[in-house]
Amino acid sequence: MPAAQERGRIHPSAYIHPSAIIGDDVIIGPDVKVHEFTTVRKGSLLCAGAQVGFNCEVTAAFVGEDAVLGRRIGINRTILGARTHLSANVTVAAIKMTTDMRTPDREVITCTTTGLYRTGTTQFGAVIGDDTQTGNNISIGPGAAIGRCCQIASGVTLAIRTIPDNCMVTFPHTAAGLGIRHPCDDRRRRAPVPAFWSGAQARSTGPPPAVARRRSGHWEPTCRPLPAAW
């Protein structure tokens, strides 16, 4: 770390805990805080005011201004927007399952409403938009793209999906997407979940069983726009 400071890669106002490990070719901006037992690996950029909590691992990632990584966060080759907040035990993976995970050979793709898009690389995590918040115990990527001002509830798993701006993603999104019977299924197995389900579609056609769940006698989409006042 002293060598990095001599090269001007770590701003003097940044706080780096003595137990933290800072790799080569890392840039740390003003007022950044890196806490105990955290590792920031080669190629990462922490913008001004970012906070990286206890026992995190940041690998070749861009962390936006005033973003907060709680405890035990692992992000790999990921872009975090400004003021994003990842609570605890959130993992963003960057490679797809393959025969030998040490040498990934499958290109990461992203699924959008207009089709599939190639990233051109075998290692890419996710893009998470400004002001997005997550709960705990969440797995994201590879190839996920989450819009601005979203909320990702605890227990969700997202990969190769696109979530529009101002959406909330809840746990049944995962259960239905895997074809797993959920306690609220009324004993019916559901079809795979599409990339997302908008509130406008739900109001005009009614949510199909694949993306809806029953709560207090009412159907709700598992990925729905946040209220305008949020």
C-alpha atoms as a PDB file:
ATOM      1  CA  MET A   1       0.000   0.000   0.000  1.00  0.00           C
ATOM      2  CA  PRO A   2       2.750   2.601   0.695  1.00  0.00           C
ATOM      3  CA  ALA A   3       4.083   2.094  -2.846  1.00  0.00           C
ATOM      4  CA  ALA A   4       0.607   2.770  -4.232  1.00  0.00           C
ATOM      5  CA  GLN A   5       0.374   5.942  -2.180  1.00  0.00           C
ATOM      6  CA  GLU A   6       3.752   7.069  -3.488  1.00  0.00           C
ATOM      7  CA  ARG A   7       2.456   6.642  -7.037  1.00  0.00           C
ATOM      8  CA  GLY A   8      -0.530   8.823  -6.188  1.00  0.00           C
ATOM      9  CA  ARG A   9      -3.119   6.095  -6.604  1.00  0.00           C
ATOM     10  CA  ILE A  10      -4.556   6.419  -3.084  1.00  0.00           C
ATOM     11  CA  HIS A  11      -5.853   9.815  -2.022  1.00  0.00           C
ATOM     12  CA  PRO A  12      -4.389  11.110   1.269  1.00  0.00           C
ATOM     13  CA  SER A  13      -7.870  11.560   2.765  1.00  0.00           C
ATOM     14  CA  ALA A  14      -8.798   7.900   2.220  1.00  0.00           C
ATOM     15  CA  TYR A  15      -8.952   5.604   5.256  1.00  0.00           C
ATOM     16  CA  ILE A  16      -7.430   2.142   4.786  1.00  0.00           C
ATOM     17  CA  HIS A  17      -7.572  -0.226   7.761  1.00  0.00           C
ATOM     18  CA  PRO A  18      -4.184  -1.817   8.529  1.00  0.00           C
ATOM     19  CA  SER A  19      -5.613  -5.317   7.960  1.00  0.00           C
ATOM     20  CA  ALA A  20      -6.958  -4.440   4.500  1.00  0.00           C
ATOM     21  CA  ILE A  21      -5.076  -5.619   1.402  1.00  0.00           C
ATOM     22  CA  ILE A  22      -4.773  -3.227  -1.543  1.00  0.00           C
ATOM     23  CA  GLY A  23      -3.486  -4.724  -4.785  1.00  0.00           C
ATOM     24  CA  ASP A  24      -1.463  -3.157  -7.553  1.00  0.00           C
ATOM     25  CA  ASP A  25      -3.033  -0.812 -10.080  1.00  0.00           C
ATOM     26  CA  VAL A  26      -5.848   0.193  -7.681  1.00  0.00           C
ATOM     27  CA  ILE A  27      -7.148   3.771  -7.585  1.00  0.00           C
ATOM     28  CA  ILE A  28      -8.801   5.006  -4.379  1.00  0.00           C
ATOM     29  CA  GLY A  29     -10.419   8.430  -4.348  1.00  0.00           C
ATOM     30  CA  PRO A  30     -10.919  11.030  -1.614  1.00  0.00           C
ATOM     31  CA  ASP A  31     -12.791  10.178   1.586  1.00  0.00           C
ATOM     32  CA  VAL A  32     -13.004   6.473   0.704  1.00  0.00           C
ATOM     33  CA  LYS A  33     -13.129   4.033   3.628  1.00  0.00           C
ATOM     34  CA  VAL A  34     -11.844   0.460   3.386  1.00  0.00           C
ATOM     35  CA  HIS A  35     -12.483  -1.506   6.562  1.00  0.00           C
ATOM     36  CA  GLU A  36     -11.099  -4.606   8.294  1.00  0.00           C
ATOM     37  CA  PHE A  37      -9.991  -7.737   6.409  1.00  0.00           C
ATOM     38  CA  THR A  38     -11.102  -6.386   3.037  1.00  0.00           C
ATOM     39  CA  THR A  39      -9.214  -7.063  -0.194  1.00  0.00           C
ATOM     40  CA  VAL A  40      -9.265  -4.672  -3.136  1.00  0.00           C
ATOM     41  CA  ARG A  41      -7.646  -6.431  -6.059  1.00  0.00           C
ATOM     42  CA  LYS A  42      -5.838  -5.263  -9.159  1.00  0.00           C
ATOM     43  CA  GLY A  43      -7.714  -3.038 -11.579  1.00  0.00           C
ATOM     44  CA  SER A  44     -10.325  -1.686  -9.141  1.00  0.00           C
ATOM     45  CA  LEU A  45     -11.425   1.937  -8.876  1.00  0.00           C
ATOM     46  CA  LEU A  46     -13.116   3.285  -5.743  1.00  0.00           C
ATOM     47  CA  CYS A  47     -14.631   6.709  -6.376  1.00  0.00           C
ATOM     48  CA  ALA A  48     -14.926   9.533  -3.859  1.00  0.00           C
ATOM     49  CA  GLY A  49     -16.845   8.758  -0.693  1.00  0.00           C
ATOM     50  CA  ALA A  50     -17.213   5.014  -1.345  1.00  0.00           C
ATOM     51  CA  GLN A  51     -17.280   2.752   1.722  1.00  0.00           C
ATOM     52  CA  VAL A  52     -16.181  -0.879   1.660  1.00  0.00           C
ATOM     53  CA  GLY A  53     -17.127  -2.719   4.828  1.00  0.00           C
ATOM     54  CA  PHE A  54     -15.849  -5.677   6.828  1.00  0.00           C
ATOM     55  CA  ASN A  55     -14.385  -8.705   5.016  1.00  0.00           C
ATOM     56  CA  CYS A  56     -15.261  -7.674   1.454  1.00  0.00           C
ATOM     57  CA  GLU A  57     -13.539  -8.615  -1.797  1.00  0.00           C
ATOM     58  CA  VAL A  58     -13.469  -6.193  -4.729  1.00  0.00           C
ATOM     59  CA  THR A  59     -11.913  -7.522  -7.934  1.00  0.00           C
ATOM     60  CA  ALA A  60     -11.380  -5.394 -11.054  1.00  0.00           C
ATOM     61  CA  ALA A  61     -14.531  -3.428 -10.227  1.00  0.00           C
ATOM     62  CA  PHE A  62     -15.723   0.170 -10.540  1.00  0.00           C
ATOM     63  CA  VAL A  63     -17.388   1.445  -7.353  1.00  0.00           C
ATOM     64  CA  GLY A  64     -19.256   4.714  -7.856  1.00  0.00           C
ATOM     65  CA  GLU A  65     -19.291   7.818  -5.682  1.00  0.00           C
ATOM     66  CA  ASP A  66     -20.746   7.362  -2.181  1.00  0.00           C
ATOM     67  CA  ALA A  67     -21.520   3.695  -2.856  1.00  0.00           C
ATOM     68  CA  VAL A  68     -21.693   1.476   0.223  1.00  0.00           C
ATOM     69  CA  LEU A  69     -20.621  -2.159   0.421  1.00  0.00           C
ATOM     70  CA  GLY A  70     -21.739  -3.640   3.730  1.00  0.00           C
ATOM     71  CA  ARG A  71     -20.101  -6.747   5.164  1.00  0.00           C
ATOM     72  CA  ARG A  72     -18.940  -9.847   3.313  1.00  0.00           C
ATOM     73  CA  ILE A  73     -19.584  -8.429  -0.150  1.00  0.00           C
ATOM     74  CA  GLY A  74     -17.857  -9.997  -3.132  1.00  0.00           C
ATOM     75  CA  ILE A  75     -17.963  -8.210  -6.489  1.00  0.00           C
ATOM     76  CA  ASN A  76     -15.992  -9.292  -9.527  1.00  0.00           C
ATOM     77  CA  ARG A  77     -15.581  -7.266 -12.740  1.00  0.00           C
ATOM     78  CA  THR A  78     -18.669  -5.252 -11.899  1.00  0.00           C
ATOM     79  CA  ILE A  79     -19.789  -1.645 -12.343  1.00  0.00           C
ATOM     80  CA  LEU A  80     -21.571  -0.107  -9.350  1.00  0.00           C
ATOM     81  CA  GLY A  81     -23.324   3.223  -9.854  1.00  0.00           C
ATOM     82  CA  ALA A  82     -23.246   6.183  -7.512  1.00  0.00           C
ATOM     83  CA  ARG A  83     -24.906   5.759  -4.111  1.00  0.00           C
ATOM     84  CA  THR A  84     -25.606   2.060  -4.582  1.00  0.00           C
ATOM     85  CA  HIS A  85     -25.988   0.156  -1.321  1.00  0.00           C
ATOM     86  CA  LEU A  86     -25.217  -3.557  -1.026  1.00  0.00           C
ATOM     87  CA  SER A  87     -26.220  -4.689   2.457  1.00  0.00           C
ATOM     88  CA  ALA A  88     -24.531  -7.987   3.451  1.00  0.00           C
ATOM     89  CA  ASN A  89     -23.526 -11.319   1.942  1.00  0.00           C
ATOM     90  CA  VAL A  90     -24.024 -10.138  -1.632  1.00  0.00           C
ATOM     91  CA  THR A  91     -22.023 -11.893  -4.343  1.00  0.00           C
ATOM     92  CA  VAL A  92     -21.594 -10.781  -7.949  1.00  0.00           C
ATOM     93  CA  ALA A  93     -20.031 -13.600  -9.969  1.00  0.00           C
ATOM     94  CA  ALA A  94     -18.195 -12.998 -13.228  1.00  0.00           C
ATOM     95  CA  ILE A  95     -17.814 -16.377 -14.956  1.00  0.00           C
ATOM     96  CA  LYS A  96     -20.278 -18.977 -16.207  1.00  0.00           C
ATOM     97  CA  MET A  97     -20.203 -22.639 -15.237  1.00  0.00           C
ATOM     98  CA  THR A  98     -17.724 -24.577 -17.358  1.00  0.00           C
ATOM     99  CA  THR A  99     -15.649 -27.745 -17.311  1.00  0.00           C
ATOM    100  CA  ASP A 100     -12.689 -26.043 -15.644  1.00  0.00           C
ATOM    101  CA  MET A 101     -13.660 -22.934 -13.694  1.00  0.00           C
ATOM    102  CA  ARG A 102      -9.987 -21.905 -13.514  1.00  0.00           C
ATOM    103  CA  THR A 103      -9.973 -21.267 -17.256  1.00  0.00           C
ATOM    104  CA  PRO A 104     -13.428 -19.918 -18.222  1.00  0.00           C
ATOM    105  CA  ASP A 105     -14.215 -20.368 -21.901  1.00  0.00           C
ATOM    106  CA  ARG A 106     -17.894 -19.385 -22.171  1.00  0.00           C
ATOM    107  CA  GLU A 107     -18.699 -15.829 -23.187  1.00  0.00           C
ATOM    108  CA  VAL A 108     -20.971 -13.905 -20.830  1.00  0.00           C
ATOM    109  CA  ILE A 109     -24.179 -12.643 -22.441  1.00  0.00           C
ATOM    110  CA  THR A 110     -26.873 -10.236 -21.282  1.00  0.00           C
ATOM    111  CA  CYS A 111     -30.574 -10.776 -21.901  1.00  0.00           C
ATOM    112  CA  THR A 112     -32.709  -7.685 -22.582  1.00  0.00           C
ATOM    113  CA  THR A 113     -36.234  -7.093 -23.839  1.00  0.00           C
ATOM    114  CA  THR A 114     -34.859  -6.668 -27.364  1.00  0.00           C
ATOM    115  CA  GLY A 115     -32.660  -9.757 -27.415  1.00  0.00           C
ATOM    116  CA  LEU A 116     -29.352 -11.198 -26.281  1.00  0.00           C
ATOM    117  CA  TYR A 117     -26.212  -9.077 -26.220  1.00  0.00           C
ATOM    118  CA  ARG A 118     -22.648 -10.343 -26.179  1.00  0.00           C
ATOM    119  CA  THR A 119     -20.136  -8.832 -23.759  1.00  0.00           C
ATOM    120  CA  GLY A 120     -17.142 -10.045 -25.756  1.00  0.00           C
ATOM    121  CA  THR A 121     -15.481 -11.481 -22.651  1.00  0.00           C
ATOM    122  CA  THR A 122     -15.593 -14.652 -20.578  1.00  0.00           C
ATOM    123  CA  GLN A 123     -15.388 -12.670 -17.334  1.00  0.00           C
ATOM    124  CA  PHE A 124     -17.997 -10.039 -16.588  1.00  0.00           C
ATOM    125  CA  GLY A 125     -20.140  -9.594 -13.494  1.00  0.00           C
ATOM    126  CA  ALA A 126     -22.962  -7.054 -13.603  1.00  0.00           C
ATOM    127  CA  VAL A 127     -23.951  -3.440 -14.077  1.00  0.00           C
ATOM    128  CA  ILE A 128     -25.884  -2.001 -11.122  1.00  0.00           C
ATOM    129  CA  GLY A 129     -27.403   1.437 -11.582  1.00  0.00           C
ATOM    130  CA  ASP A 130     -27.271   4.539  -9.402  1.00  0.00           C
ATOM    131  CA  ASP A 131     -29.207   4.554  -6.105  1.00  0.00           C
ATOM    132  CA  THR A 132     -30.029   0.838  -6.246  1.00  0.00           C
ATOM    133  CA  GLN A 133     -30.308  -1.007  -2.932  1.00  0.00           C
ATOM    134  CA  THR A 134     -30.092  -4.691  -2.031  1.00  0.00           C
ATOM    135  CA  GLY A 135     -31.041  -6.820   0.920  1.00  0.00           C
ATOM    136  CA  ASN A 136     -28.979  -9.715   2.310  1.00  0.00           C
ATOM    137  CA  ASN A 137     -27.894 -13.090   0.892  1.00  0.00           C
ATOM    138  CA  ILE A 138     -28.162 -12.184  -2.789  1.00  0.00           C
ATOM    139  CA  SER A 139     -26.412 -13.697  -5.813  1.00  0.00           C
ATOM    140  CA  ILE A 140     -26.056 -11.610  -8.988  1.00  0.00           C
ATOM    141  CA  GLY A 141     -24.497 -12.204 -12.380  1.00  0.00           C
ATOM    142  CA  PRO A 142     -22.800 -13.007 -14.581  1.00  0.00           C
ATOM    143  CA  GLY A 143     -24.380 -10.769 -17.207  1.00  0.00           C
ATOM    144  CA  ALA A 144     -27.020  -9.081 -15.033  1.00  0.00           C
ATOM    145  CA  ALA A 145     -27.984  -5.464 -15.688  1.00  0.00           C
ATOM    146  CA  ILE A 146     -29.966  -3.679 -12.966  1.00  0.00           C
ATOM    147  CA  GLY A 147     -31.368  -0.216 -13.570  1.00  0.00           C
ATOM    148  CA  ARG A 148     -31.317   2.900 -11.435  1.00  0.00           C
ATOM    149  CA  CYS A 149     -33.277   3.277  -8.186  1.00  0.00           C
ATOM    150  CA  CYS A 150     -34.129  -0.430  -7.887  1.00  0.00           C
ATOM    151  CA  GLN A 151     -34.637  -2.504  -4.754  1.00  0.00           C
ATOM    152  CA  ILE A 152     -33.516  -6.144  -4.689  1.00  0.00           C
ATOM    153  CA  ALA A 153     -35.041  -8.048  -1.782  1.00  0.00           C
ATOM    154  CA  SER A 154     -33.149 -10.574   0.328  1.00  0.00           C
ATOM    155  CA  GLY A 155     -32.705 -14.071  -1.082  1.00  0.00           C
ATOM    156  CA  VAL A 156     -32.931 -13.141  -4.757  1.00  0.00           C
ATOM    157  CA  THR A 157     -30.725 -14.676  -7.456  1.00  0.00           C
ATOM    158  CA  LEU A 158     -30.310 -12.834 -10.769  1.00  0.00           C
ATOM    159  CA  ALA A 159     -28.222 -13.826 -13.781  1.00  0.00           C
ATOM    160  CA  ILE A 160     -28.330 -12.887 -17.467  1.00  0.00           C
ATOM    161  CA  ARG A 161     -31.334 -10.665 -16.745  1.00  0.00           C
ATOM    162  CA  THR A 162     -32.170  -7.010 -17.226  1.00  0.00           C
ATOM    163  CA  ILE A 163     -34.149  -5.158 -14.567  1.00  0.00           C
ATOM    164  CA  PRO A 164     -35.591  -1.765 -15.628  1.00  0.00           C
ATOM    165  CA  ASP A 165     -35.217   1.438 -13.633  1.00  0.00           C
ATOM    166  CA  ASN A 166     -37.377   1.962 -10.528  1.00  0.00           C
ATOM    167  CA  CYS A 167     -38.266  -1.703  -9.998  1.00  0.00           C
ATOM    168  CA  MET A 168     -38.489  -3.946  -6.972  1.00  0.00           C
ATOM    169  CA  VAL A 169     -37.457  -7.595  -7.256  1.00  0.00           C
ATOM    170  CA  THR A 170     -38.718  -9.990  -4.590  1.00  0.00           C
ATOM    171  CA  PHE A 171     -37.856 -13.563  -3.645  1.00  0.00           C
ATOM    172  CA  PRO A 172     -40.554 -15.462  -5.647  1.00  0.00           C
ATOM    173  CA  HIS A 173     -38.822 -14.151  -8.776  1.00  0.00           C
ATOM    174  CA  THR A 174     -36.127 -16.709  -7.999  1.00  0.00           C
ATOM    175  CA  ALA A 175     -38.371 -19.609  -7.007  1.00  0.00           C
ATOM    176  CA  ALA A 176     -40.604 -19.324 -10.049  1.00  0.00           C
ATOM    177  CA  GLY A 177     -37.668 -18.809 -12.396  1.00  0.00           C
ATOM    178  CA  LEU A 178     -36.171 -22.125 -11.302  1.00  0.00           C
ATOM    179  CA  GLY A 179     -39.486 -23.926 -11.568  1.00  0.00           C
ATOM    180  CA  ILE A 180     -39.457 -24.647  -7.828  1.00  0.00           C
ATOM    181  CA  ARG A 181     -42.731 -25.032  -5.996  1.00  0.00           C
ATOM    182  CA  HIS A 182     -43.239 -22.057  -3.736  1.00  0.00           C
ATOM    183  CA  PRO A 183     -45.504 -22.213  -0.622  1.00  0.00           C
ATOM    184  CA  CYS A 184     -47.793 -19.649  -2.298  1.00  0.00           C
ATOM    185  CA  ASP A 185     -48.122 -21.696  -5.505  1.00  0.00           C
ATOM    186  CA  ASP A 186     -51.493 -23.216  -4.508  1.00  0.00           C
ATOM    187  CA  ARG A 187     -49.920 -26.577  -5.395  1.00  0.00           C
ATOM    188  CA  ARG A 188     -49.318 -25.573  -9.013  1.00  0.00           C
ATOM    189  CA  ARG A 189     -45.930 -25.636 -10.734  1.00  0.00           C
ATOM    190  CA  ARG A 190     -45.144 -22.492 -12.679  1.00  0.00           C
ATOM    191  CA  ALA A 191     -43.397 -21.850 -15.969  1.00  0.00           C
ATOM    192  CA  PRO A 192     -40.041 -20.006 -16.114  1.00  0.00           C
ATOM    193  CA  VAL A 193     -40.149 -16.304 -15.337  1.00  0.00           C
ATOM    194  CA  PRO A 194     -39.433 -13.853 -18.200  1.00  0.00           C
ATOM    195  CA  ALA A 195     -36.707 -11.236 -17.786  1.00  0.00           C
ATOM    196  CA  PHE A 196     -39.113  -8.870 -16.074  1.00  0.00           C
ATOM    197  CA  TRP A 197     -42.800  -8.071 -15.766  1.00  0.00           C
ATOM    198  CA  SER A 198     -43.872  -4.439 -15.820  1.00  0.00           C
ATOM    199  CA  GLY A 199     -46.703  -2.977 -13.808  1.00  0.00           C
ATOM    200  CA  ALA A 200     -48.318  -1.647 -17.004  1.00  0.00           C
ATOM    201  CA  GLN A 201     -48.524  -5.164 -18.421  1.00  0.00           C
ATOM    202  CA  ALA A 202     -49.947  -6.450 -15.171  1.00  0.00           C
ATOM    203  CA  ARG A 203     -52.704  -3.825 -15.196  1.00  0.00           C
ATOM    204  CA  SER A 204     -53.622  -4.345 -18.840  1.00  0.00           C
ATOM    205  CA  THR A 205     -53.555  -8.128 -19.119  1.00  0.00           C
ATOM    206  CA  GLY A 206     -53.213  -9.382 -15.561  1.00  0.00           C
ATOM    207  CA  PRO A 207     -50.037 -11.158 -14.461  1.00  0.00           C
ATOM    208  CA  PRO A 208     -49.756 -14.769 -15.610  1.00  0.00           C
ATOM    209  CA  PRO A 209     -49.114 -17.486 -13.016  1.00  0.00           C
ATOM    210  CA  ALA A 210     -45.428 -17.590 -13.974  1.00  0.00           C
ATOM    211  CA  VAL A 211     -44.721 -14.132 -12.565  1.00  0.00           C
ATOM    212  CA  ALA A 212     -47.380 -13.635  -9.937  1.00  0.00           C
ATOM    213  CA  ARG A 213     -47.871 -14.718  -6.380  1.00  0.00           C
ATOM    214  CA  ARG A 214     -50.816 -14.604  -4.051  1.00  0.00           C
ATOM    215  CA  ARG A 215     -50.548 -12.375  -1.017  1.00  0.00           C
ATOM    216  CA  SER A 216     -53.602 -11.723   1.127  1.00  0.00           C
ATOM    217  CA  GLY A 217     -55.826 -12.804  -1.731  1.00  0.00           C
ATOM    218  CA  HIS A 218     -54.303 -10.420  -4.329  1.00  0.00           C
ATOM    219  CA  TRP A 219     -51.992 -11.141  -7.256  1.00  0.00           C
ATOM    220  CA  GLU A 220     -48.748  -9.174  -7.453  1.00  0.00           C
ATOM    221  CA  PRO A 221     -45.954  -9.215 -10.068  1.00  0.00           C
ATOM    222  CA  THR A 222     -42.623 -10.327  -8.637  1.00  0.00           C
ATOM    223  CA  CYS A 223     -40.809  -7.450 -10.367  1.00  0.00           C
ATOM    224  CA  ARG A 224     -42.845  -4.293 -10.157  1.00  0.00           C
ATOM    225  CA  PRO A 225     -42.287  -0.532 -10.445  1.00  0.00           C
ATOM    226  CA  LEU A 226     -41.654   1.320  -7.228  1.00  0.00           C
ATOM    227  CA  PRO A 227     -44.235   3.905  -6.106  1.00  0.00           C
ATOM    228  CA  ALA A 228     -43.777   7.357  -7.623  1.00  0.00           C
ATOM    229  CA  ALA A 229     -43.206   8.829  -4.164  1.00  0.00           C
ATOM    230  CA  TRP A 230     -40.290   6.478  -3.367  1.00  0.00           C
END
